[in-house]
Amino acid sequence: MTRLPGALFVVDTMREHIAVKEALKLNIPIFAMVDTNSDPKQIDYVIPSNDDASKSIEAILSHVTGAVAEGLSERKSEKTAEKEGASEAKEAAQKLKQLQKLKQLQKLRPLQKRKQLQQKT
């Protein structure tokens, strides 16, 4: 890995106690399924459940993976919206510059007309 993970998800904290200790040392948030035989004090986000039954693990992991997928899709849509907003801002800045140039030209035109009238007289 090139960087630290944003979080750690643990199914059995008793079996994965080394991973929990490493995450605690590195200040990585821990999400864990905690059974009655485990100590929830070390865990940041406790999911009380039976960490020995495959059906309960499957049910909880399906919800967790769904939530992660939803979060990733929201992040992606926000990034695309930011890119679109940035391109719209560039276009608006270009239009503003064009309008400012037009206003400057409009200010110069009456002066040019006055000079022409003065030269004729």
PDB file of N, CA and C in Angstrom:
ATOM      1  N   MET A   1       0.843  -1.186   0.000  1.00  0.00           N
ATOM      2  CA  MET A   1       0.000   0.000   0.000  1.00  0.00           C
ATOM      3  C   MET A   1       0.883   1.243   0.000  1.00  0.00           C
ATOM      4  N   THR A   2       0.427   2.253  -0.692  1.00  0.00           N
ATOM      5  CA  THR A   2       1.190   3.492  -0.744  1.00  0.00           C
ATOM      6  C   THR A   2       0.795   4.461   0.355  1.00  0.00           C
ATOM      7  N   ARG A   3      -0.372   4.247   0.949  1.00  0.00           N
ATOM      8  CA  ARG A   3      -0.828   5.114   2.042  1.00  0.00           C
ATOM      9  C   ARG A   3      -1.624   4.292   3.045  1.00  0.00           C
ATOM     10  N   LEU A   4      -1.891   4.902   4.183  1.00  0.00           N
ATOM     11  CA  LEU A   4      -2.654   4.208   5.223  1.00  0.00           C
ATOM     12  C   LEU A   4      -4.123   4.115   4.826  1.00  0.00           C
ATOM     13  N   PRO A   5      -4.793   3.040   5.237  1.00  0.00           N
ATOM     14  CA  PRO A   5      -6.220   2.939   4.934  1.00  0.00           C
ATOM     15  C   PRO A   5      -7.023   3.953   5.744  1.00  0.00           C
ATOM     16  N   GLY A   6      -8.185   4.309   5.223  1.00  0.00           N
ATOM     17  CA  GLY A   6      -9.055   5.252   5.910  1.00  0.00           C
ATOM     18  C   GLY A   6      -9.770   4.637   7.096  1.00  0.00           C
ATOM     19  N   ALA A   7      -9.934   3.319   7.081  1.00  0.00           N
ATOM     20  CA  ALA A   7     -10.610   2.615   8.174  1.00  0.00           C
ATOM     21  C   ALA A   7     -10.274   1.130   8.096  1.00  0.00           C
ATOM     22  N   LEU A   8     -10.562   0.437   9.194  1.00  0.00           N
ATOM     23  CA  LEU A   8     -10.350  -1.006   9.266  1.00  0.00           C
ATOM     24  C   LEU A   8     -11.661  -1.650   9.687  1.00  0.00           C
ATOM     25  N   PHE A   9     -12.069  -2.689   8.955  1.00  0.00           N
ATOM     26  CA  PHE A   9     -13.263  -3.440   9.315  1.00  0.00           C
ATOM     27  C   PHE A   9     -12.828  -4.826   9.765  1.00  0.00           C
ATOM     28  N   VAL A  10     -13.225  -5.196  10.979  1.00  0.00           N
ATOM     29  CA  VAL A  10     -12.818  -6.474  11.561  1.00  0.00           C
ATOM     30  C   VAL A  10     -14.064  -7.290  11.891  1.00  0.00           C
ATOM     31  N   VAL A  11     -14.018  -8.579  11.523  1.00  0.00           N
ATOM     32  CA  VAL A  11     -15.145  -9.463  11.831  1.00  0.00           C
ATOM     33  C   VAL A  11     -14.990 -10.058  13.218  1.00  0.00           C
ATOM     34  N   ASP A  12     -13.844 -10.571  13.538  1.00  0.00           N
ATOM     35  CA  ASP A  12     -13.621 -11.218  14.835  1.00  0.00           C
ATOM     36  C   ASP A  12     -12.436 -10.530  15.514  1.00  0.00           C
ATOM     37  N   THR A  13     -12.710  -9.696  16.500  1.00  0.00           N
ATOM     38  CA  THR A  13     -11.644  -8.935  17.148  1.00  0.00           C
ATOM     39  C   THR A  13     -10.725  -9.818  17.980  1.00  0.00           C
ATOM     40  N   MET A  14     -11.203 -10.942  18.442  1.00  0.00           N
ATOM     41  CA  MET A  14     -10.351 -11.851  19.214  1.00  0.00           C
ATOM     42  C   MET A  14      -9.310 -12.512  18.291  1.00  0.00           C
ATOM     43  N   ARG A  15      -9.737 -12.899  17.130  1.00  0.00           N
ATOM     44  CA  ARG A  15      -8.828 -13.558  16.191  1.00  0.00           C
ATOM     45  C   ARG A  15      -7.901 -12.535  15.516  1.00  0.00           C
ATOM     46  N   GLU A  16      -8.371 -11.336  15.273  1.00  0.00           N
ATOM     47  CA  GLU A  16      -7.604 -10.295  14.571  1.00  0.00           C
ATOM     48  C   GLU A  16      -7.073  -9.238  15.540  1.00  0.00           C
ATOM     49  N   HIS A  17      -6.653  -9.661  16.722  1.00  0.00           N
ATOM     50  CA  HIS A  17      -6.204  -8.710  17.745  1.00  0.00           C
ATOM     51  C   HIS A  17      -4.941  -7.947  17.323  1.00  0.00           C
ATOM     52  N   ILE A  18      -4.101  -8.551  16.494  1.00  0.00           N
ATOM     53  CA  ILE A  18      -2.886  -7.859  16.039  1.00  0.00           C
ATOM     54  C   ILE A  18      -3.258  -6.698  15.100  1.00  0.00           C
ATOM     55  N   ALA A  19      -4.204  -6.948  14.217  1.00  0.00           N
ATOM     56  CA  ALA A  19      -4.652  -5.884  13.308  1.00  0.00           C
ATOM     57  C   ALA A  19      -5.288  -4.737  14.085  1.00  0.00           C
ATOM     58  N   VAL A  20      -6.040  -5.070  15.133  1.00  0.00           N
ATOM     59  CA  VAL A  20      -6.665  -4.036  15.970  1.00  0.00           C
ATOM     60  C   VAL A  20      -5.595  -3.203  16.665  1.00  0.00           C
ATOM     61  N   LYS A  21      -4.570  -3.847  17.186  1.00  0.00           N
ATOM     62  CA  LYS A  21      -3.491  -3.123  17.880  1.00  0.00           C
ATOM     63  C   LYS A  21      -2.733  -2.210  16.909  1.00  0.00           C
ATOM     64  N   GLU A  22      -2.468  -2.697  15.710  1.00  0.00           N
ATOM     65  CA  GLU A  22      -1.782  -1.873  14.710  1.00  0.00           C
ATOM     66  C   GLU A  22      -2.616  -0.654  14.339  1.00  0.00           C
ATOM     67  N   ALA A  23      -3.908  -0.870  14.155  1.00  0.00           N
ATOM     68  CA  ALA A  23      -4.796   0.241  13.809  1.00  0.00           C
ATOM     69  C   ALA A  23      -4.858   1.260  14.942  1.00  0.00           C
ATOM     70  N   LEU A  24      -4.855   0.798  16.164  1.00  0.00           N
ATOM     71  CA  LEU A  24      -4.850   1.712  17.310  1.00  0.00           C
ATOM     72  C   LEU A  24      -3.572   2.549  17.327  1.00  0.00           C
ATOM     73  N   LYS A  25      -2.423   1.921  17.052  1.00  0.00           N
ATOM     74  CA  LYS A  25      -1.159   2.650  17.041  1.00  0.00           C
ATOM     75  C   LYS A  25      -1.117   3.694  15.934  1.00  0.00           C
ATOM     76  N   LEU A  26      -1.717   3.382  14.786  1.00  0.00           N
ATOM     77  CA  LEU A  26      -1.679   4.278  13.633  1.00  0.00           C
ATOM     78  C   LEU A  26      -2.872   5.227  13.573  1.00  0.00           C
ATOM     79  N   ASN A  27      -3.704   5.202  14.605  1.00  0.00           N
ATOM     80  CA  ASN A  27      -4.903   6.055  14.677  1.00  0.00           C
ATOM     81  C   ASN A  27      -5.841   5.850  13.485  1.00  0.00           C
ATOM     82  N   ILE A  28      -6.011   4.607  13.090  1.00  0.00           N
ATOM     83  CA  ILE A  28      -6.948   4.257  12.023  1.00  0.00           C
ATOM     84  C   ILE A  28      -8.259   3.872  12.686  1.00  0.00           C
ATOM     85  N   PRO A  29      -9.384   4.466  12.265  1.00  0.00           N
ATOM     86  CA  PRO A  29     -10.673   4.110  12.866  1.00  0.00           C
ATOM     87  C   PRO A  29     -11.009   2.634  12.618  1.00  0.00           C
ATOM     88  N   ILE A  30     -11.583   2.008  13.638  1.00  0.00           N
ATOM     89  CA  ILE A  30     -11.883   0.581  13.569  1.00  0.00           C
ATOM     90  C   ILE A  30     -13.389   0.370  13.638  1.00  0.00           C
ATOM     91  N   PHE A  31     -13.903  -0.322  12.618  1.00  0.00           N
ATOM     92  CA  PHE A  31     -15.285  -0.790  12.604  1.00  0.00           C
ATOM     93  C   PHE A  31     -15.205  -2.293  12.850  1.00  0.00           C
ATOM     94  N   ALA A  32     -15.967  -2.801  13.805  1.00  0.00           N
ATOM     95  CA  ALA A  32     -15.840  -4.229  14.100  1.00  0.00           C
ATOM     96  C   ALA A  32     -17.151  -4.841  14.544  1.00  0.00           C
ATOM     97  N   MET A  33     -17.314  -6.095  14.142  1.00  0.00           N
ATOM     98  CA  MET A  33     -18.404  -6.909  14.655  1.00  0.00           C
ATOM     99  C   MET A  33     -17.920  -7.458  15.997  1.00  0.00           C
ATOM    100  N   VAL A  34     -18.640  -7.129  17.047  1.00  0.00           N
ATOM    101  CA  VAL A  34     -18.187  -7.499  18.392  1.00  0.00           C
ATOM    102  C   VAL A  34     -19.195  -8.456  19.006  1.00  0.00           C
ATOM    103  N   ASP A  35     -18.676  -9.581  19.455  1.00  0.00           N
ATOM    104  CA  ASP A  35     -19.484 -10.615  20.092  1.00  0.00           C
ATOM    105  C   ASP A  35     -19.370 -10.458  21.614  1.00  0.00           C
ATOM    106  N   THR A  36     -20.066 -11.273  22.345  1.00  0.00           N
ATOM    107  CA  THR A  36     -20.037 -11.178  23.802  1.00  0.00           C
ATOM    108  C   THR A  36     -18.702 -11.596  24.397  1.00  0.00           C
ATOM    109  N   ASN A  37     -17.882 -12.316  23.631  1.00  0.00           N
ATOM    110  CA  ASN A  37     -16.582 -12.737  24.140  1.00  0.00           C
ATOM    111  C   ASN A  37     -15.474 -11.725  23.823  1.00  0.00           C
ATOM    112  N   SER A  38     -15.822 -10.561  23.277  1.00  0.00           N
ATOM    113  CA  SER A  38     -14.828  -9.558  22.878  1.00  0.00           C
ATOM    114  C   SER A  38     -14.937  -8.311  23.737  1.00  0.00           C
ATOM    115  N   ASP A  39     -13.866  -7.532  23.757  1.00  0.00           N
ATOM    116  CA  ASP A  39     -13.845  -6.274  24.496  1.00  0.00           C
ATOM    117  C   ASP A  39     -14.108  -5.120  23.517  1.00  0.00           C
ATOM    118  N   PRO A  40     -15.245  -4.435  23.634  1.00  0.00           N
ATOM    119  CA  PRO A  40     -15.565  -3.364  22.689  1.00  0.00           C
ATOM    120  C   PRO A  40     -14.866  -2.033  22.992  1.00  0.00           C
ATOM    121  N   LYS A  41     -14.102  -1.943  24.088  1.00  0.00           N
ATOM    122  CA  LYS A  41     -13.468  -0.679  24.469  1.00  0.00           C
ATOM    123  C   LYS A  41     -12.440  -0.213  23.443  1.00  0.00           C
ATOM    124  N   GLN A  42     -11.780  -1.117  22.763  1.00  0.00           N
ATOM    125  CA  GLN A  42     -10.748  -0.753  21.802  1.00  0.00           C
ATOM    126  C   GLN A  42     -11.314  -0.351  20.442  1.00  0.00           C
ATOM    127  N   ILE A  43     -12.573  -0.641  20.219  1.00  0.00           N
ATOM    128  CA  ILE A  43     -13.191  -0.445  18.905  1.00  0.00           C
ATOM    129  C   ILE A  43     -13.876   0.915  18.851  1.00  0.00           C
ATOM    130  N   ASP A  44     -13.676   1.631  17.733  1.00  0.00           N
ATOM    131  CA  ASP A  44     -14.295   2.947  17.567  1.00  0.00           C
ATOM    132  C   ASP A  44     -15.778   2.838  17.221  1.00  0.00           C
ATOM    133  N   TYR A  45     -16.112   1.950  16.296  1.00  0.00           N
ATOM    134  CA  TYR A  45     -17.497   1.789  15.849  1.00  0.00           C
ATOM    135  C   TYR A  45     -17.883   0.326  16.016  1.00  0.00           C
ATOM    136  N   VAL A  46     -18.653   0.056  17.050  1.00  0.00           N
ATOM    137  CA  VAL A  46     -19.010  -1.319  17.417  1.00  0.00           C
ATOM    138  C   VAL A  46     -20.294  -1.728  16.707  1.00  0.00           C
ATOM    139  N   ILE A  47     -20.271  -2.927  16.146  1.00  0.00           N
ATOM    140  CA  ILE A  47     -21.469  -3.546  15.575  1.00  0.00           C
ATOM    141  C   ILE A  47     -21.735  -4.792  16.400  1.00  0.00           C
ATOM    142  N   PRO A  48     -22.681  -4.725  17.345  1.00  0.00           N
ATOM    143  CA  PRO A  48     -22.946  -5.902  18.171  1.00  0.00           C
ATOM    144  C   PRO A  48     -23.574  -7.008  17.323  1.00  0.00           C
ATOM    145  N   SER A  49     -22.900  -8.135  17.279  1.00  0.00           N
ATOM    146  CA  SER A  49     -23.390  -9.223  16.441  1.00  0.00           C
ATOM    147  C   SER A  49     -22.665 -10.519  16.785  1.00  0.00           C
ATOM    148  N   ASN A  50     -23.146 -11.587  16.201  1.00  0.00           N
ATOM    149  CA  ASN A  50     -22.511 -12.886  16.367  1.00  0.00           C
ATOM    150  C   ASN A  50     -21.432 -13.003  15.293  1.00  0.00           C
ATOM    151  N   ASP A  51     -20.177 -12.888  15.698  1.00  0.00           N
ATOM    152  CA  ASP A  51     -19.092 -12.932  14.724  1.00  0.00           C
ATOM    153  C   ASP A  51     -18.662 -14.356  14.366  1.00  0.00           C
ATOM    154  N   ASP A  52     -19.388 -15.352  14.845  1.00  0.00           N
ATOM    155  CA  ASP A  52     -19.071 -16.741  14.532  1.00  0.00           C
ATOM    156  C   ASP A  52     -20.007 -17.325  13.473  1.00  0.00           C
ATOM    157  N   ALA A  53     -21.197 -16.760  13.326  1.00  0.00           N
ATOM    158  CA  ALA A  53     -22.185 -17.296  12.389  1.00  0.00           C
ATOM    159  C   ALA A  53     -21.997 -16.677  11.000  1.00  0.00           C
ATOM    160  N   SER A  54     -21.898 -17.527   9.998  1.00  0.00           N
ATOM    161  CA  SER A  54     -21.644 -17.051   8.639  1.00  0.00           C
ATOM    162  C   SER A  54     -22.811 -16.232   8.090  1.00  0.00           C
ATOM    163  N   LYS A  55     -24.043 -16.564   8.486  1.00  0.00           N
ATOM    164  CA  LYS A  55     -25.196 -15.810   7.998  1.00  0.00           C
ATOM    165  C   LYS A  55     -25.214 -14.383   8.556  1.00  0.00           C
ATOM    166  N   SER A  56     -24.848 -14.210   9.822  1.00  0.00           N
ATOM    167  CA  SER A  56     -24.825 -12.862  10.390  1.00  0.00           C
ATOM    168  C   SER A  56     -23.682 -12.041   9.787  1.00  0.00           C
ATOM    169  N   ILE A  57     -22.554 -12.706   9.546  1.00  0.00           N
ATOM    170  CA  ILE A  57     -21.430 -12.006   8.896  1.00  0.00           C
ATOM    171  C   ILE A  57     -21.829 -11.577   7.498  1.00  0.00           C
ATOM    172  N   GLU A  58     -22.473 -12.463   6.755  1.00  0.00           N
ATOM    173  CA  GLU A  58     -22.907 -12.144   5.393  1.00  0.00           C
ATOM    174  C   GLU A  58     -23.923 -11.010   5.373  1.00  0.00           C
ATOM    175  N   ALA A  59     -24.870 -11.036   6.305  1.00  0.00           N
ATOM    176  CA  ALA A  59     -25.897  -9.989   6.345  1.00  0.00           C
ATOM    177  C   ALA A  59     -25.282  -8.621   6.648  1.00  0.00           C
ATOM    178  N   ILE A  60     -24.402  -8.563   7.624  1.00  0.00           N
ATOM    179  CA  ILE A  60     -23.792  -7.281   7.993  1.00  0.00           C
ATOM    180  C   ILE A  60     -22.856  -6.789   6.900  1.00  0.00           C
ATOM    181  N   LEU A  61     -22.053  -7.691   6.339  1.00  0.00           N
ATOM    182  CA  LEU A  61     -21.130  -7.279   5.280  1.00  0.00           C
ATOM    183  C   LEU A  61     -21.855  -6.815   4.027  1.00  0.00           C
ATOM    184  N   SER A  62     -23.026  -7.379   3.733  1.00  0.00           N
ATOM    185  CA  SER A  62     -23.779  -6.910   2.570  1.00  0.00           C
ATOM    186  C   SER A  62     -24.240  -5.469   2.779  1.00  0.00           C
ATOM    187  N   HIS A  63     -24.647  -5.134   4.003  1.00  0.00           N
ATOM    188  CA  HIS A  63     -25.036  -3.743   4.301  1.00  0.00           C
ATOM    189  C   HIS A  63     -23.828  -2.813   4.266  1.00  0.00           C
ATOM    190  N   VAL A  64     -22.726  -3.252   4.818  1.00  0.00           N
ATOM    191  CA  VAL A  64     -21.520  -2.415   4.853  1.00  0.00           C
ATOM    192  C   VAL A  64     -20.996  -2.165   3.444  1.00  0.00           C
ATOM    193  N   THR A  65     -20.902  -3.212   2.632  1.00  0.00           N
ATOM    194  CA  THR A  65     -20.398  -3.030   1.265  1.00  0.00           C
ATOM    195  C   THR A  65     -21.344  -2.172   0.434  1.00  0.00           C
ATOM    196  N   GLY A  66     -22.634  -2.306   0.674  1.00  0.00           N
ATOM    197  CA  GLY A  66     -23.597  -1.441  -0.020  1.00  0.00           C
ATOM    198  C   GLY A  66     -23.416   0.023   0.353  1.00  0.00           C
ATOM    199  N   ALA A  67     -23.180   0.272   1.634  1.00  0.00           N
ATOM    200  CA  ALA A  67     -22.968   1.648   2.088  1.00  0.00           C
ATOM    201  C   ALA A  67     -21.670   2.224   1.534  1.00  0.00           C
ATOM    202  N   VAL A  68     -20.630   1.403   1.474  1.00  0.00           N
ATOM    203  CA  VAL A  68     -19.353   1.864   0.912  1.00  0.00           C
ATOM    204  C   VAL A  68     -19.515   2.177  -0.572  1.00  0.00           C
ATOM    205  N   ALA A  69     -20.197   1.317  -1.299  1.00  0.00           N
ATOM    206  CA  ALA A  69     -20.421   1.547  -2.728  1.00  0.00           C
ATOM    207  C   ALA A  69     -21.225   2.824  -2.950  1.00  0.00           C
ATOM    208  N   GLU A  70     -22.229   3.046  -2.118  1.00  0.00           N
ATOM    209  CA  GLU A  70     -23.040   4.260  -2.224  1.00  0.00           C
ATOM    210  C   GLU A  70     -22.193   5.505  -1.944  1.00  0.00           C
ATOM    211  N   GLY A  71     -21.351   5.432  -0.933  1.00  0.00           N
ATOM    212  CA  GLY A  71     -20.480   6.559  -0.610  1.00  0.00           C
ATOM    213  C   GLY A  71     -19.504   6.862  -1.728  1.00  0.00           C
ATOM    214  N   LEU A  72     -18.948   5.828  -2.338  1.00  0.00           N
ATOM    215  CA  LEU A  72     -18.011   6.034  -3.454  1.00  0.00           C
ATOM    216  C   LEU A  72     -18.710   6.650  -4.658  1.00  0.00           C
ATOM    217  N   SER A  73     -19.930   6.221  -4.933  1.00  0.00           N
ATOM    218  CA  SER A  73     -20.658   6.800  -6.069  1.00  0.00           C
ATOM    219  C   SER A  73     -21.022   8.260  -5.793  1.00  0.00           C
ATOM    220  N   GLU A  74     -21.359   8.586  -4.548  1.00  0.00           N
ATOM    221  CA  GLU A  74     -21.636   9.981  -4.201  1.00  0.00           C
ATOM    222  C   GLU A  74     -20.387  10.837  -4.364  1.00  0.00           C
ATOM    223  N   ARG A  75     -19.242  10.314  -3.924  1.00  0.00           N
ATOM    224  CA  ARG A  75     -17.992  11.061  -4.062  1.00  0.00           C
ATOM    225  C   ARG A  75     -17.679  11.304  -5.538  1.00  0.00           C
ATOM    226  N   LYS A  76     -17.898  10.289  -6.359  1.00  0.00           N
ATOM    227  CA  LYS A  76     -17.630  10.423  -7.789  1.00  0.00           C
ATOM    228  C   LYS A  76     -18.552  11.462  -8.417  1.00  0.00           C
ATOM    229  N   SER A  77     -19.828  11.448  -8.053  1.00  0.00           N
ATOM    230  CA  SER A  77     -20.766  12.423  -8.613  1.00  0.00           C
ATOM    231  C   SER A  77     -20.438  13.839  -8.142  1.00  0.00           C
ATOM    232  N   GLU A  78     -19.959  13.982  -6.911  1.00  0.00           N
ATOM    233  CA  GLU A  78     -19.552  15.300  -6.418  1.00  0.00           C
ATOM    234  C   GLU A  78     -18.336  15.817  -7.174  1.00  0.00           C
ATOM    235  N   LYS A  79     -17.392  14.937  -7.476  1.00  0.00           N
ATOM    236  CA  LYS A  79     -16.207  15.346  -8.226  1.00  0.00           C
ATOM    237  C   LYS A  79     -16.574  15.791  -9.635  1.00  0.00           C
ATOM    238  N   THR A  80     -17.480  15.056 -10.278  1.00  0.00           N
ATOM    239  CA  THR A  80     -17.889  15.460 -11.626  1.00  0.00           C
ATOM    240  C   THR A  80     -18.649  16.779 -11.579  1.00  0.00           C
ATOM    241  N   ALA A  81     -19.439  16.980 -10.533  1.00  0.00           N
ATOM    242  CA  ALA A  81     -20.161  18.245 -10.399  1.00  0.00           C
ATOM    243  C   ALA A  81     -19.187  19.403 -10.186  1.00  0.00           C
ATOM    244  N   GLU A  82     -18.123  19.155  -9.418  1.00  0.00           N
ATOM    245  CA  GLU A  82     -17.112  20.191  -9.201  1.00  0.00           C
ATOM    246  C   GLU A  82     -16.397  20.528 -10.505  1.00  0.00           C
ATOM    247  N   LYS A  83     -16.089  19.503 -11.307  1.00  0.00           N
ATOM    248  CA  LYS A  83     -15.430  19.744 -12.597  1.00  0.00           C
ATOM    249  C   LYS A  83     -16.330  20.548 -13.515  1.00  0.00           C
ATOM    250  N   GLU A  84     -17.621  20.200 -13.538  1.00  0.00           N
ATOM    251  CA  GLU A  84     -18.562  20.947 -14.361  1.00  0.00           C
ATOM    252  C   GLU A  84     -18.682  22.381 -13.869  1.00  0.00           C
ATOM    253  N   GLY A  85     -18.697  22.544 -12.555  1.00  0.00           N
ATOM    254  CA  GLY A  85     -18.772  23.889 -11.983  1.00  0.00           C
ATOM    255  C   GLY A  85     -17.536  24.697 -12.320  1.00  0.00           C
ATOM    256  N   ALA A  86     -16.381  24.058 -12.339  1.00  0.00           N
ATOM    257  CA  ALA A  86     -15.137  24.757 -12.662  1.00  0.00           C
ATOM    258  C   ALA A  86     -15.140  25.197 -14.119  1.00  0.00           C
ATOM    259  N   SER A  87     -15.626  24.336 -15.017  1.00  0.00           N
ATOM    260  CA  SER A  87     -15.670  24.722 -16.427  1.00  0.00           C
ATOM    261  C   SER A  87     -16.695  25.833 -16.651  1.00  0.00           C
ATOM    262  N   GLU A  88     -17.804  25.780 -15.931  1.00  0.00           N
ATOM    263  CA  GLU A  88     -18.798  26.853 -16.030  1.00  0.00           C
ATOM    264  C   GLU A  88     -18.239  28.168 -15.497  1.00  0.00           C
ATOM    265  N   ALA A  89     -17.441  28.082 -14.451  1.00  0.00           N
ATOM    266  CA  ALA A  89     -16.832  29.286 -13.890  1.00  0.00           C
ATOM    267  C   ALA A  89     -15.846  29.892 -14.883  1.00  0.00           C
ATOM    268  N   LYS A  90     -15.089  29.057 -15.580  1.00  0.00           N
ATOM    269  CA  LYS A  90     -14.158  29.564 -16.595  1.00  0.00           C
ATOM    270  C   LYS A  90     -14.910  30.268 -17.714  1.00  0.00           C
ATOM    271  N   GLU A  91     -15.997  29.651 -18.156  1.00  0.00           N
ATOM    272  CA  GLU A  91     -16.804  30.263 -19.210  1.00  0.00           C
ATOM    273  C   GLU A  91     -17.376  31.602 -18.754  1.00  0.00           C
ATOM    274  N   ALA A  92     -17.849  31.638 -17.523  1.00  0.00           N
ATOM    275  CA  ALA A  92     -18.408  32.881 -16.988  1.00  0.00           C
ATOM    276  C   ALA A  92     -17.326  33.965 -16.897  1.00  0.00           C
ATOM    277  N   ALA A  93     -16.115  33.569 -16.503  1.00  0.00           N
ATOM    278  CA  ALA A  93     -15.014  34.542 -16.422  1.00  0.00           C
ATOM    279  C   ALA A  93     -14.661  35.075 -17.796  1.00  0.00           C
ATOM    280  N   GLN A  94     -14.674  34.218 -18.804  1.00  0.00           N
ATOM    281  CA  GLN A  94     -14.396  34.661 -20.163  1.00  0.00           C
ATOM    282  C   GLN A  94     -15.471  35.623 -20.660  1.00  0.00           C
ATOM    283  N   LYS A  95     -16.721  35.311 -20.383  1.00  0.00           N
ATOM    284  CA  LYS A  95     -17.809  36.200 -20.783  1.00  0.00           C
ATOM    285  C   LYS A  95     -17.706  37.544 -20.083  1.00  0.00           C
ATOM    286  N   LEU A  96     -17.321  37.517 -18.813  1.00  0.00           N
ATOM    287  CA  LEU A  96     -17.156  38.755 -18.059  1.00  0.00           C
ATOM    288  C   LEU A  96     -16.054  39.612 -18.672  1.00  0.00           C
ATOM    289  N   LYS A  97     -14.954  39.003 -19.051  1.00  0.00           N
ATOM    290  CA  LYS A  97     -13.870  39.743 -19.697  1.00  0.00           C
ATOM    291  C   LYS A  97     -14.336  40.363 -21.005  1.00  0.00           C
ATOM    292  N   GLN A  98     -15.110  39.607 -21.772  1.00  0.00           N
ATOM    293  CA  GLN A  98     -15.629  40.136 -23.037  1.00  0.00           C
ATOM    294  C   GLN A  98     -16.544  41.327 -22.790  1.00  0.00           C
ATOM    295  N   LEU A  99     -17.401  41.219 -21.781  1.00  0.00           N
ATOM    296  CA  LEU A  99     -18.295  42.330 -21.460  1.00  0.00           C
ATOM    297  C   LEU A  99     -17.522  43.566 -21.025  1.00  0.00           C
ATOM    298  N   GLN A 100     -16.462  43.351 -20.244  1.00  0.00           N
ATOM    299  CA  GLN A 100     -15.647  44.480 -19.800  1.00  0.00           C
ATOM    300  C   GLN A 100     -14.966  45.153 -20.983  1.00  0.00           C
ATOM    301  N   LYS A 101     -14.496  44.374 -21.939  1.00  0.00           N
ATOM    302  CA  LYS A 101     -13.885  44.951 -23.133  1.00  0.00           C
ATOM    303  C   LYS A 101     -14.909  45.752 -23.934  1.00  0.00           C
ATOM    304  N   LEU A 102     -16.115  45.207 -24.045  1.00  0.00           N
ATOM    305  CA  LEU A 102     -17.170  45.926 -24.761  1.00  0.00           C
ATOM    306  C   LEU A 102     -17.499  47.254 -24.090  1.00  0.00           C
ATOM    307  N   LYS A 103     -17.568  47.245 -22.768  1.00  0.00           N
ATOM    308  CA  LYS A 103     -17.852  48.482 -22.040  1.00  0.00           C
ATOM    309  C   LYS A 103     -16.749  49.500 -22.261  1.00  0.00           C
ATOM    310  N   GLN A 104     -15.509  49.046 -22.271  1.00  0.00           N
ATOM    311  CA  GLN A 104     -14.397  49.964 -22.521  1.00  0.00           C
ATOM    312  C   GLN A 104     -14.484  50.542 -23.923  1.00  0.00           C
ATOM    313  N   LEU A 105     -14.844  49.716 -24.885  1.00  0.00           N
ATOM    314  CA  LEU A 105     -15.000  50.202 -26.250  1.00  0.00           C
ATOM    315  C   LEU A 105     -16.145  51.201 -26.358  1.00  0.00           C
ATOM    316  N   GLN A 106     -17.227  50.931 -25.643  1.00  0.00           N
ATOM    317  CA  GLN A 106     -18.370  51.846 -25.671  1.00  0.00           C
ATOM    318  C   GLN A 106     -17.999  53.190 -25.058  1.00  0.00           C
ATOM    319  N   LYS A 107     -17.151  53.180 -24.063  1.00  0.00           N
ATOM    320  CA  LYS A 107     -16.695  54.433 -23.463  1.00  0.00           C
ATOM    321  C   LYS A 107     -15.788  55.185 -24.428  1.00  0.00           C
ATOM    322  N   LEU A 108     -14.997  54.489 -25.200  1.00  0.00           N
ATOM    323  CA  LEU A 108     -14.071  55.125 -26.122  1.00  0.00           C
ATOM    324  C   LEU A 108     -14.774  55.689 -27.349  1.00  0.00           C
ATOM    325  N   ARG A 109     -15.830  55.081 -27.789  1.00  0.00           N
ATOM    326  CA  ARG A 109     -16.521  55.523 -28.996  1.00  0.00           C
ATOM    327  C   ARG A 109     -17.034  56.953 -28.883  1.00  0.00           C
ATOM    328  N   PRO A 110     -17.706  57.343 -27.794  1.00  0.00           N
ATOM    329  CA  PRO A 110     -18.138  58.744 -27.711  1.00  0.00           C
ATOM    330  C   PRO A 110     -16.959  59.719 -27.721  1.00  0.00           C
ATOM    331  N   LEU A 111     -15.855  59.335 -27.112  1.00  0.00           N
ATOM    332  CA  LEU A 111     -14.672  60.194 -27.120  1.00  0.00           C
ATOM    333  C   LEU A 111     -14.130  60.351 -28.533  1.00  0.00           C
ATOM    334  N   GLN A 112     -14.138  59.268 -29.276  1.00  0.00           N
ATOM    335  CA  GLN A 112     -13.659  59.332 -30.656  1.00  0.00           C
ATOM    336  C   GLN A 112     -14.575  60.219 -31.503  1.00  0.00           C
ATOM    337  N   LYS A 113     -15.885  60.093 -31.268  1.00  0.00           N
ATOM    338  CA  LYS A 113     -16.834  60.929 -32.007  1.00  0.00           C
ATOM    339  C   LYS A 113     -16.629  62.400 -31.675  1.00  0.00           C
ATOM    340  N   ARG A 114     -16.398  62.700 -30.393  1.00  0.00           N
ATOM    341  CA  ARG A 114     -16.145  64.087 -29.997  1.00  0.00           C
ATOM    342  C   ARG A 114     -14.893  64.628 -30.686  1.00  0.00           C
ATOM    343  N   LYS A 115     -13.851  63.834 -30.716  1.00  0.00           N
ATOM    344  CA  LYS A 115     -12.609  64.265 -31.360  1.00  0.00           C
ATOM    345  C   LYS A 115     -12.834  64.507 -32.843  1.00  0.00           C
ATOM    346  N   GLN A 116     -13.618  63.633 -33.473  1.00  0.00           N
ATOM    347  CA  GLN A 116     -13.898  63.810 -34.895  1.00  0.00           C
ATOM    348  C   GLN A 116     -14.687  65.087 -35.129  1.00  0.00           C
ATOM    349  N   LEU A 117     -15.672  65.350 -34.247  1.00  0.00           N
ATOM    350  CA  LEU A 117     -16.464  66.577 -34.368  1.00  0.00           C
ATOM    351  C   LEU A 117     -15.578  67.802 -34.140  1.00  0.00           C
ATOM    352  N   GLN A 118     -14.686  67.726 -33.195  1.00  0.00           N
ATOM    353  CA  GLN A 118     -13.786  68.845 -32.913  1.00  0.00           C
ATOM    354  C   GLN A 118     -12.841  69.074 -34.083  1.00  0.00           C
ATOM    355  N   GLN A 119     -12.409  68.028 -34.707  1.00  0.00           N
ATOM    356  CA  GLN A 119     -11.495  68.164 -35.838  1.00  0.00           C
ATOM    357  C   GLN A 119     -12.202  68.772 -37.043  1.00  0.00           C
ATOM    358  N   LYS A 120     -13.483  68.483 -37.217  1.00  0.00           N
ATOM    359  CA  LYS A 120     -14.241  69.011 -38.326  1.00  0.00           C
ATOM    360  C   LYS A 120     -14.507  70.506 -38.169  1.00  0.00           C
ATOM    361  N   THR A 121     -14.640  70.952 -36.955  1.00  0.00           N
ATOM    362  CA  THR A 121     -14.932  72.360 -36.727  1.00  0.00           C
ATOM    363  C   THR A 121     -13.727  73.205 -36.635  1.00  0.00           C
TER     364      THR A 121
END
